[in-house]
PDB file of N, CA and C in Angstrom:
ATOM      1  N   MET A   1      32.767  83.420 104.369  1.00  0.00           N
ATOM      2  CA  MET A   1      32.395  84.746 103.956  1.00  0.00           C
ATOM      3  C   MET A   1      33.198  85.123 102.711  1.00  0.00           C
ATOM      4  N   ARG A   2      32.531  85.647 101.716  1.00  0.00           N
ATOM      5  CA  ARG A   2      33.191  86.085 100.494  1.00  0.00           C
ATOM      6  C   ARG A   2      33.548  87.557 100.598  1.00  0.00           C
ATOM      7  N   SER A   3      34.707  87.925 100.117  1.00  0.00           N
ATOM      8  CA  SER A   3      35.091  89.335 100.188  1.00  0.00           C
ATOM      9  C   SER A   3      34.647  90.060  98.927  1.00  0.00           C
ATOM     10  N   THR A   4      34.389  91.339  99.085  1.00  0.00           N
ATOM     11  CA  THR A   4      34.019  92.197  97.969  1.00  0.00           C
ATOM     12  C   THR A   4      35.228  93.036  97.614  1.00  0.00           C
ATOM     13  N   PRO A   5      35.700  92.993  96.350  1.00  0.00           N
ATOM     14  CA  PRO A   5      36.893  93.766  95.999  1.00  0.00           C
ATOM     15  C   PRO A   5      36.624  95.263  96.015  1.00  0.00           C
ATOM     16  N   ALA A   6      37.651  96.027  96.307  1.00  0.00           N
ATOM     17  CA  ALA A   6      37.562  97.486  96.237  1.00  0.00           C
ATOM     18  C   ALA A   6      37.544  97.902  94.780  1.00  0.00           C
ATOM     19  N   ARG A   7      36.906  99.016  94.469  1.00  0.00           N
ATOM     20  CA  ARG A   7      36.920  99.541  93.106  1.00  0.00           C
ATOM     21  C   ARG A   7      38.267 100.189  92.849  1.00  0.00           C
ATOM     22  N   ALA A   8      38.736 100.053  91.646  1.00  0.00           N
ATOM     23  CA  ALA A   8      39.995 100.690  91.254  1.00  0.00           C
ATOM     24  C   ALA A   8      39.715 101.669  90.126  1.00  0.00           C
ATOM     25  N   CYS A   9      40.625 102.597  89.942  1.00  0.00           N
ATOM     26  CA  CYS A   9      40.468 103.503  88.805  1.00  0.00           C
ATOM     27  C   CYS A   9      40.565 102.688  87.521  1.00  0.00           C
ATOM     28  N   ARG A  10      40.008 103.210  86.441  1.00  0.00           N
ATOM     29  CA  ARG A  10      39.955 102.481  85.178  1.00  0.00           C
ATOM     30  C   ARG A  10      41.323 102.002  84.728  1.00  0.00           C
ATOM     31  N   SER A  11      42.331 102.838  84.861  1.00  0.00           N
ATOM     32  CA  SER A  11      43.650 102.446  84.372  1.00  0.00           C
ATOM     33  C   SER A  11      44.334 101.412  85.262  1.00  0.00           C
ATOM     34  N   CYS A  12      43.763 101.128  86.429  1.00  0.00           N
ATOM     35  CA  CYS A  12      44.378 100.149  87.320  1.00  0.00           C
ATOM     36  C   CYS A  12      43.669  98.799  87.268  1.00  0.00           C
ATOM     37  N   THR A  13      42.612  98.671  86.490  1.00  0.00           N
ATOM     38  CA  THR A  13      41.939  97.392  86.366  1.00  0.00           C
ATOM     39  C   THR A  13      42.769  96.498  85.464  1.00  0.00           C
ATOM     40  N   PRO A  14      42.679  95.171  85.604  1.00  0.00           N
ATOM     41  CA  PRO A  14      43.535  94.275  84.816  1.00  0.00           C
ATOM     42  C   PRO A  14      43.475  94.528  83.317  1.00  0.00           C
ATOM     43  N   ARG A  15      42.310  94.853  82.791  1.00  0.00           N
ATOM     44  CA  ARG A  15      42.168  95.067  81.349  1.00  0.00           C
ATOM     45  C   ARG A  15      43.049  96.204  80.864  1.00  0.00           C
ATOM     46  N   TRP A  16      43.180  97.260  81.661  1.00  0.00           N
ATOM     47  CA  TRP A  16      43.917  98.454  81.242  1.00  0.00           C
ATOM     48  C   TRP A  16      45.342  98.490  81.758  1.00  0.00           C
ATOM     49  N   ARG A  17      45.674  97.666  82.751  1.00  0.00           N
ATOM     50  CA  ARG A  17      46.974  97.751  83.410  1.00  0.00           C
ATOM     51  C   ARG A  17      48.136  97.618  82.427  1.00  0.00           C
ATOM     52  N   ALA A  18      48.025  96.721  81.475  1.00  0.00           N
ATOM     53  CA  ALA A  18      49.135  96.468  80.555  1.00  0.00           C
ATOM     54  C   ALA A  18      49.436  97.659  79.652  1.00  0.00           C
ATOM     55  N   THR A  19      48.439  98.510  79.396  1.00  0.00           N
ATOM     56  CA  THR A  19      48.658  99.620  78.480  1.00  0.00           C
ATOM     57  C   THR A  19      48.847 100.951  79.177  1.00  0.00           C
ATOM     58  N   SER A  20      48.669 100.994  80.479  1.00  0.00           N
ATOM     59  CA  SER A  20      48.776 102.254  81.200  1.00  0.00           C
ATOM     60  C   SER A  20      50.184 102.444  81.735  1.00  0.00           C
ATOM     61  N   THR A  21      50.865 103.491  81.284  1.00  0.00           N
ATOM     62  CA  THR A  21      52.211 103.781  81.752  1.00  0.00           C
ATOM     63  C   THR A  21      52.221 104.016  83.254  1.00  0.00           C
ATOM     64  N   ALA A  22      51.242 104.769  83.768  1.00  0.00           N
ATOM     65  CA  ALA A  22      51.196 105.057  85.204  1.00  0.00           C
ATOM     66  C   ALA A  22      51.046 103.778  86.005  1.00  0.00           C
ATOM     67  N   CYS A  23      50.215 102.853  85.531  1.00  0.00           N
ATOM     68  CA  CYS A  23      50.027 101.616  86.283  1.00  0.00           C
ATOM     69  C   CYS A  23      51.226 100.689  86.150  1.00  0.00           C
ATOM     70  N   ARG A  24      51.840 100.637  84.978  1.00  0.00           N
ATOM     71  CA  ARG A  24      53.033  99.798  84.840  1.00  0.00           C
ATOM     72  C   ARG A  24      54.118 100.279  85.782  1.00  0.00           C
ATOM     73  N   ALA A  25      54.180 101.571  85.992  1.00  0.00           N
ATOM     74  CA  ALA A  25      55.191 102.138  86.887  1.00  0.00           C
ATOM     75  C   ALA A  25      54.727 102.131  88.340  1.00  0.00           C
ATOM     76  N   GLY A  26      53.482 101.748  88.604  1.00  0.00           N
ATOM     77  CA  GLY A  26      52.971 101.748  89.973  1.00  0.00           C
ATOM     78  C   GLY A  26      52.752 103.153  90.492  1.00  0.00           C
ATOM     79  N   GLY A  27      52.438 104.105  89.596  1.00  0.00           N
ATOM     80  CA  GLY A  27      52.369 105.511  89.953  1.00  0.00           C
ATOM     81  C   GLY A  27      51.183 105.962  90.760  1.00  0.00           C
ATOM     82  N   HIS A  28      50.062 105.279  90.677  1.00  0.00           N
ATOM     83  CA  HIS A  28      48.909 105.710  91.459  1.00  0.00           C
ATOM     84  C   HIS A  28      47.925 104.563  91.638  1.00  0.00           C
ATOM     85  N   ARG A  29      47.130 104.668  92.689  1.00  0.00           N
ATOM     86  CA  ARG A  29      46.054 103.716  92.944  1.00  0.00           C
ATOM     87  C   ARG A  29      44.917 104.472  93.599  1.00  0.00           C
ATOM     88  N   VAL A  30      43.690 104.085  93.277  1.00  0.00           N
ATOM     89  CA  VAL A  30      42.500 104.653  93.900  1.00  0.00           C
ATOM     90  C   VAL A  30      41.774 103.513  94.592  1.00  0.00           C
ATOM     91  N   LEU A  31      41.561 103.643  95.897  1.00  0.00           N
ATOM     92  CA  LEU A  31      40.833 102.635  96.661  1.00  0.00           C
ATOM     93  C   LEU A  31      39.523 103.240  97.129  1.00  0.00           C
ATOM     94  N   ASP A  32      38.427 102.643  96.713  1.00  0.00           N
ATOM     95  CA  ASP A  32      37.104 103.123  97.079  1.00  0.00           C
ATOM     96  C   ASP A  32      36.261 101.919  97.481  1.00  0.00           C
ATOM     97  N   PRO A  33      36.585 101.324  98.639  1.00  0.00           N
ATOM     98  CA  PRO A  33      35.855 100.122  99.053  1.00  0.00           C
ATOM     99  C   PRO A  33      34.425 100.467  99.472  1.00  0.00           C
ATOM    100  N   PRO A  34      33.540  99.476  99.488  1.00  0.00           N
ATOM    101  CA  PRO A  34      32.182  99.720  99.972  1.00  0.00           C
ATOM    102  C   PRO A  34      32.223 100.285 101.392  1.00  0.00           C
ATOM    103  N   PHE A  35      31.426 101.307 101.658  1.00  0.00           N
ATOM    104  CA  PHE A  35      31.438 101.938 102.979  1.00  0.00           C
ATOM    105  C   PHE A  35      31.105 100.958 104.093  1.00  0.00           C
ATOM    106  N   ALA A  36      30.353  99.922 103.791  1.00  0.00           N
ATOM    107  CA  ALA A  36      29.980  98.937 104.818  1.00  0.00           C
ATOM    108  C   ALA A  36      31.134  97.998 105.161  1.00  0.00           C
ATOM    109  N   ARG A  37      32.265  98.124 104.475  1.00  0.00           N
ATOM    110  CA  ARG A  37      33.427  97.239 104.694  1.00  0.00           C
ATOM    111  C   ARG A  37      34.672  98.063 105.006  1.00  0.00           C
ATOM    112  N   PRO A  38      34.721  98.785 106.120  1.00  0.00           N
ATOM    113  CA  PRO A  38      35.845  99.702 106.387  1.00  0.00           C
ATOM    114  C   PRO A  38      37.214  99.034 106.464  1.00  0.00           C
ATOM    115  N   ARG A  39      37.288  97.783 106.897  1.00  0.00           N
ATOM    116  CA  ARG A  39      38.599  97.117 106.992  1.00  0.00           C
ATOM    117  C   ARG A  39      39.174  96.765 105.631  1.00  0.00           C
ATOM    118  N   LEU A  40      38.337  96.762 104.607  1.00  0.00           N
ATOM    119  CA  LEU A  40      38.807  96.414 103.273  1.00  0.00           C
ATOM    120  C   LEU A  40      39.859  97.397 102.765  1.00  0.00           C
ATOM    121  N   ALA A  41      39.750  98.672 103.132  1.00  0.00           N
ATOM    122  CA  ALA A  41      40.741  99.670 102.702  1.00  0.00           C
ATOM    123  C   ALA A  41      42.123  99.334 103.255  1.00  0.00           C
ATOM    124  N   ALA A  42      42.212  99.030 104.542  1.00  0.00           N
ATOM    125  CA  ALA A  42      43.500  98.690 105.156  1.00  0.00           C
ATOM    126  C   ALA A  42      44.054  97.397 104.570  1.00  0.00           C
ATOM    127  N   ASP A  43      43.196  96.397 104.376  1.00  0.00           N
ATOM    128  CA  ASP A  43      43.647  95.125 103.806  1.00  0.00           C
ATOM    129  C   ASP A  43      44.178  95.323 102.386  1.00  0.00           C
ATOM    130  N   THR A  44      43.469  96.119 101.590  1.00  0.00           N
ATOM    131  CA  THR A  44      43.887  96.355 100.209  1.00  0.00           C
ATOM    132  C   THR A  44      45.185  97.161 100.156  1.00  0.00           C
ATOM    133  N   ALA A  45      45.308  98.170 101.014  1.00  0.00           N
ATOM    134  CA  ALA A  45      46.543  98.962 101.066  1.00  0.00           C
ATOM    135  C   ALA A  45      47.741  98.068 101.404  1.00  0.00           C
ATOM    136  N   ARG A  46      47.560  97.202 102.365  1.00  0.00           N
ATOM    137  CA  ARG A  46      48.642  96.283 102.753  1.00  0.00           C
ATOM    138  C   ARG A  46      49.010  95.362 101.592  1.00  0.00           C
ATOM    139  N   ARG A  47      48.014  94.840 100.903  1.00  0.00           N
ATOM    140  CA  ARG A  47      48.288  93.933  99.779  1.00  0.00           C
ATOM    141  C   ARG A  47      48.980  94.651  98.618  1.00  0.00           C
ATOM    142  N   LEU A  48      48.600  95.905  98.371  1.00  0.00           N
ATOM    143  CA  LEU A  48      49.289  96.685  97.331  1.00  0.00           C
ATOM    144  C   LEU A  48      50.763  96.842  97.672  1.00  0.00           C
ATOM    145  N   ALA A  49      51.042  97.189  98.921  1.00  0.00           N
ATOM    146  CA  ALA A  49      52.425  97.404  99.353  1.00  0.00           C
ATOM    147  C   ALA A  49      53.208  96.088  99.361  1.00  0.00           C
ATOM    148  N   ASP A  50      52.626  95.051  99.926  1.00  0.00           N
ATOM    149  CA  ASP A  50      53.323  93.763 100.036  1.00  0.00           C
ATOM    150  C   ASP A  50      53.496  93.074  98.690  1.00  0.00           C
ATOM    151  N   GLY A  51      52.585  93.340  97.758  1.00  0.00           N
ATOM    152  CA  GLY A  51      52.626  92.655  96.469  1.00  0.00           C
ATOM    153  C   GLY A  51      53.476  93.326  95.420  1.00  0.00           C
ATOM    154  N   GLY A  52      54.123  94.442  95.760  1.00  0.00           N
ATOM    155  CA  GLY A  52      54.973  95.113  94.793  1.00  0.00           C
ATOM    156  C   GLY A  52      54.209  95.872  93.722  1.00  0.00           C
ATOM    157  N   TRP A  53      52.970  96.264  94.007  1.00  0.00           N
ATOM    158  CA  TRP A  53      52.138  96.973  93.047  1.00  0.00           C
ATOM    159  C   TRP A  53      52.407  98.471  93.022  1.00  0.00           C
ATOM    160  N   LEU A  54      53.269  98.961  93.894  1.00  0.00           N
ATOM    161  CA  LEU A  54      53.479 100.405  94.009  1.00  0.00           C
ATOM    162  C   LEU A  54      54.942 100.778  93.791  1.00  0.00           C
ATOM    163  N   ALA A  55      55.158 101.810  93.005  1.00  0.00           N
ATOM    164  CA  ALA A  55      56.499 102.357  92.824  1.00  0.00           C
ATOM    165  C   ALA A  55      56.814 103.260  94.009  1.00  0.00           C
ATOM    166  N   PRO A  56      58.088 103.490  94.309  1.00  0.00           N
ATOM    167  CA  PRO A  56      58.423 104.451  95.370  1.00  0.00           C
ATOM    168  C   PRO A  56      57.799 105.810  95.067  1.00  0.00           C
ATOM    169  N   GLY A  57      57.161 106.382  96.057  1.00  0.00           N
ATOM    170  CA  GLY A  57      56.534 107.681  95.891  1.00  0.00           C
ATOM    171  C   GLY A  57      55.173 107.652  95.236  1.00  0.00           C
ATOM    172  N   ALA A  58      54.655 106.468  94.946  1.00  0.00           N
ATOM    173  CA  ALA A  58      53.327 106.372  94.339  1.00  0.00           C
ATOM    174  C   ALA A  58      52.295 107.016  95.253  1.00  0.00           C
ATOM    175  N   ARG A  59      51.229 107.493  94.663  1.00  0.00           N
ATOM    176  CA  ARG A  59      50.134 108.089  95.422  1.00  0.00           C
ATOM    177  C   ARG A  59      48.995 107.085  95.535  1.00  0.00           C
ATOM    178  N   VAL A  60      48.389 107.022  96.710  1.00  0.00           N
ATOM    179  CA  VAL A  60      47.224 106.169  96.924  1.00  0.00           C
ATOM    180  C   VAL A  60      46.127 107.042  97.513  1.00  0.00           C
ATOM    181  N   TYR A  61      44.984 107.057  96.839  1.00  0.00           N
ATOM    182  CA  TYR A  61      43.816 107.817  97.282  1.00  0.00           C
ATOM    183  C   TYR A  61      42.838 106.817  97.895  1.00  0.00           C
ATOM    184  N   LEU A  62      42.444 107.059  99.129  1.00  0.00           N
ATOM    185  CA  LEU A  62      41.462 106.214  99.809  1.00  0.00           C
ATOM    186  C   LEU A  62      40.204 107.031 100.057  1.00  0.00           C
ATOM    187  N   GLU A  63      39.054 106.427  99.808  1.00  0.00           N
ATOM    188  CA  GLU A  63      37.790 107.080 100.126  1.00  0.00           C
ATOM    189  C   GLU A  63      36.995 106.139 101.015  1.00  0.00           C
ATOM    190  N   LEU A  64      36.590 106.643 102.173  1.00  0.00           N
ATOM    191  CA  LEU A  64      35.910 105.845 103.185  1.00  0.00           C
ATOM    192  C   LEU A  64      34.669 106.557 103.687  1.00  0.00           C
ATOM    193  N   ASP A  65      33.880 105.838 104.461  1.00  0.00           N
ATOM    194  CA  ASP A  65      32.749 106.444 105.156  1.00  0.00           C
ATOM    195  C   ASP A  65      33.302 107.466 106.149  1.00  0.00           C
ATOM    196  N   ALA A  66      32.688 108.635 106.194  1.00  0.00           N
ATOM    197  CA  ALA A  66      33.174 109.705 107.071  1.00  0.00           C
ATOM    198  C   ALA A  66      33.156 109.304 108.544  1.00  0.00           C
ATOM    199  N   ARG A  67      32.346 108.325 108.896  1.00  0.00           N
ATOM    200  CA  ARG A  67      32.269 107.875 110.300  1.00  0.00           C
ATOM    201  C   ARG A  67      33.294 106.790 110.633  1.00  0.00           C
ATOM    202  N   SER A  68      33.989 106.280 109.635  1.00  0.00           N
ATOM    203  CA  SER A  68      34.989 105.233 109.864  1.00  0.00           C
ATOM    204  C   SER A  68      36.277 105.838 110.403  1.00  0.00           C
ATOM    205  N   PRO A  69      36.985 105.101 111.253  1.00  0.00           N
ATOM    206  CA  PRO A  69      38.291 105.593 111.698  1.00  0.00           C
ATOM    207  C   PRO A  69      39.285 105.548 110.529  1.00  0.00           C
ATOM    208  N   ARG A  70      40.325 106.339 110.631  1.00  0.00           N
ATOM    209  CA  ARG A  70      41.380 106.321 109.610  1.00  0.00           C
ATOM    210  C   ARG A  70      41.975 104.910 109.577  1.00  0.00           C
ATOM    211  N   PRO A  71      42.124 104.317 108.398  1.00  0.00           N
ATOM    212  CA  PRO A  71      42.641 102.952 108.319  1.00  0.00           C
ATOM    213  C   PRO A  71      44.131 102.882 108.631  1.00  0.00           C
ATOM    214  N   GLU A  72      44.549 101.735 109.072  1.00  0.00           N
ATOM    215  CA  GLU A  72      45.975 101.485 109.279  1.00  0.00           C
ATOM    216  C   GLU A  72      46.585 101.266 107.901  1.00  0.00           C
ATOM    217  N   VAL A  73      47.646 102.001 107.597  1.00  0.00           N
ATOM    218  CA  VAL A  73      48.310 101.874 106.300  1.00  0.00           C
ATOM    219  C   VAL A  73      49.736 101.375 106.523  1.00  0.00           C
ATOM    220  N   PRO A  74      50.368 100.860 105.477  1.00  0.00           N
ATOM    221  CA  PRO A  74      51.727 100.345 105.620  1.00  0.00           C
ATOM    222  C   PRO A  74      52.714 101.401 106.119  1.00  0.00           C
ATOM    223  N   ALA A  75      53.737 100.941 106.796  1.00  0.00           N
ATOM    224  CA  ALA A  75      54.807 101.820 107.284  1.00  0.00           C
ATOM    225  C   ALA A  75      55.428 102.565 106.116  1.00  0.00           C
ATOM    226  N   GLY A  76      55.756 103.822 106.334  1.00  0.00           N
ATOM    227  CA  GLY A  76      56.384 104.627 105.300  1.00  0.00           C
ATOM    228  C   GLY A  76      55.411 105.428 104.464  1.00  0.00           C
ATOM    229  N   TRP A  77      54.109 105.170 104.591  1.00  0.00           N
ATOM    230  CA  TRP A  77      53.130 105.961 103.853  1.00  0.00           C
ATOM    231  C   TRP A  77      52.940 107.284 104.572  1.00  0.00           C
ATOM    232  N   GLU A  78      52.945 108.374 103.818  1.00  0.00           N
ATOM    233  CA  GLU A  78      52.787 109.715 104.385  1.00  0.00           C
ATOM    234  C   GLU A  78      51.453 110.301 103.948  1.00  0.00           C
ATOM    235  N   LEU A  79      50.659 110.757 104.917  1.00  0.00           N
ATOM    236  CA  LEU A  79      49.380 111.390 104.603  1.00  0.00           C
ATOM    237  C   LEU A  79      49.647 112.778 104.035  1.00  0.00           C
ATOM    238  N   LEU A  80      49.231 113.017 102.790  1.00  0.00           N
ATOM    239  CA  LEU A  80      49.449 114.305 102.132  1.00  0.00           C
ATOM    240  C   LEU A  80      48.249 115.230 102.267  1.00  0.00           C
ATOM    241  N   ARG A  81      47.061 114.682 102.140  1.00  0.00           N
ATOM    242  CA  ARG A  81      45.826 115.470 102.223  1.00  0.00           C
ATOM    243  C   ARG A  81      44.728 114.621 102.836  1.00  0.00           C
ATOM    244  N   GLU A  82      43.802 115.327 103.473  1.00  0.00           N
ATOM    245  CA  GLU A  82      42.659 114.661 104.089  1.00  0.00           C
ATOM    246  C   GLU A  82      41.482 115.626 104.049  1.00  0.00           C
ATOM    247  N   SER A  83      40.319 115.126 103.657  1.00  0.00           N
ATOM    248  CA  SER A  83      39.136 115.988 103.642  1.00  0.00           C
ATOM    249  C   SER A  83      37.881 115.143 103.803  1.00  0.00           C
ATOM    250  N   THR A  84      36.816 115.799 104.237  1.00  0.00           N
ATOM    251  CA  THR A  84      35.526 115.149 104.393  1.00  0.00           C
ATOM    252  C   THR A  84      34.481 115.982 103.666  1.00  0.00           C
ATOM    253  N   ALA A  85      33.633 115.297 102.924  1.00  0.00           N
ATOM    254  CA  ALA A  85      32.528 115.950 102.220  1.00  0.00           C
ATOM    255  C   ALA A  85      31.314 115.031 102.310  1.00  0.00           C
ATOM    256  N   GLY A  86      30.315 115.468 103.048  1.00  0.00           N
ATOM    257  CA  GLY A  86      29.133 114.631 103.226  1.00  0.00           C
ATOM    258  C   GLY A  86      29.489 113.345 103.942  1.00  0.00           C
ATOM    259  N   ASP A  87      29.142 112.214 103.342  1.00  0.00           N
ATOM    260  CA  ASP A  87      29.414 110.903 103.947  1.00  0.00           C
ATOM    261  C   ASP A  87      30.784 110.352 103.584  1.00  0.00           C
ATOM    262  N   ALA A  88      31.551 111.059 102.755  1.00  0.00           N
ATOM    263  CA  ALA A  88      32.841 110.544 102.285  1.00  0.00           C
ATOM    264  C   ALA A  88      34.014 111.222 102.981  1.00  0.00           C
ATOM    265  N   HIS A  89      34.995 110.416 103.326  1.00  0.00           N
ATOM    266  CA  HIS A  89      36.244 110.889 103.919  1.00  0.00           C
ATOM    267  C   HIS A  89      37.356 110.480 102.965  1.00  0.00           C
ATOM    268  N   ALA A  90      38.123 111.448 102.460  1.00  0.00           N
ATOM    269  CA  ALA A  90      39.161 111.197 101.473  1.00  0.00           C
ATOM    270  C   ALA A  90      40.540 111.383 102.092  1.00  0.00           C
ATOM    271  N   LEU A  91      41.447 110.457 101.758  1.00  0.00           N
ATOM    272  CA  LEU A  91      42.817 110.499 102.249  1.00  0.00           C
ATOM    273  C   LEU A  91      43.749 110.272 101.063  1.00  0.00           C
ATOM    274  N   LEU A  92      44.769 111.091 100.938  1.00  0.00           N
ATOM    275  CA  LEU A  92      45.759 110.930  99.869  1.00  0.00           C
ATOM    276  C   LEU A  92      47.111 110.671 100.527  1.00  0.00           C
ATOM    277  N   TYR A  93      47.717 109.557 100.157  1.00  0.00           N
ATOM    278  CA  TYR A  93      49.008 109.150 100.736  1.00  0.00           C
ATOM    279  C   TYR A  93      50.092 109.100  99.659  1.00  0.00           C
ATOM    280  N   ALA A  94      51.325 109.386 100.059  1.00  0.00           N
ATOM    281  CA  ALA A  94      52.523 109.094  99.268  1.00  0.00           C
ATOM    282  C   ALA A  94      53.111 107.846  99.902  1.00  0.00           C
ATOM    283  N   THR A  95      53.607 106.947  99.076  1.00  0.00           N
ATOM    284  CA  THR A  95      54.011 105.634  99.579  1.00  0.00           C
ATOM    285  C   THR A  95      55.502 105.436  99.791  1.00  0.00           C
ATOM    286  N   GLY A  96      56.247 106.491  99.978  1.00  0.00           N
ATOM    287  CA  GLY A  96      57.657 106.332 100.257  1.00  0.00           C
ATOM    288  C   GLY A  96      58.503 107.291  99.433  1.00  0.00           C
ATOM    289  N   ALA A  97      59.803 107.136  99.529  1.00  0.00           N
ATOM    290  CA  ALA A  97      60.742 108.039  98.851  1.00  0.00           C
ATOM    291  C   ALA A  97      60.653 107.896  97.349  1.00  0.00           C
ATOM    292  N   TYR A  98      60.936 109.003  96.656  1.00  0.00           N
ATOM    293  CA  TYR A  98      60.998 108.965  95.192  1.00  0.00           C
ATOM    294  C   TYR A  98      62.292 108.362  94.762  1.00  0.00           C
TER     295      TYR A  98
END
């Protein structure tokens, strides 16, 4: 089975990463995986944390299908905001101490 990558914000894609101050510092990430692949959000969050892609206190925005359970995120991530609009469920996390 081939995996489908999650979409990232423009400044977090490889082409822009080298020139984006926020991405070089690991300041933010946007995860918007296909709604049909709910486990992809948890897998991607874990890989971001384990791979050193996030600075302390970085923000991670996850958008999932509103019917999906909240994904398991790495230890130390704090849920800052949560909302649902239509079919989308949005979660904003802080990833640790500043």
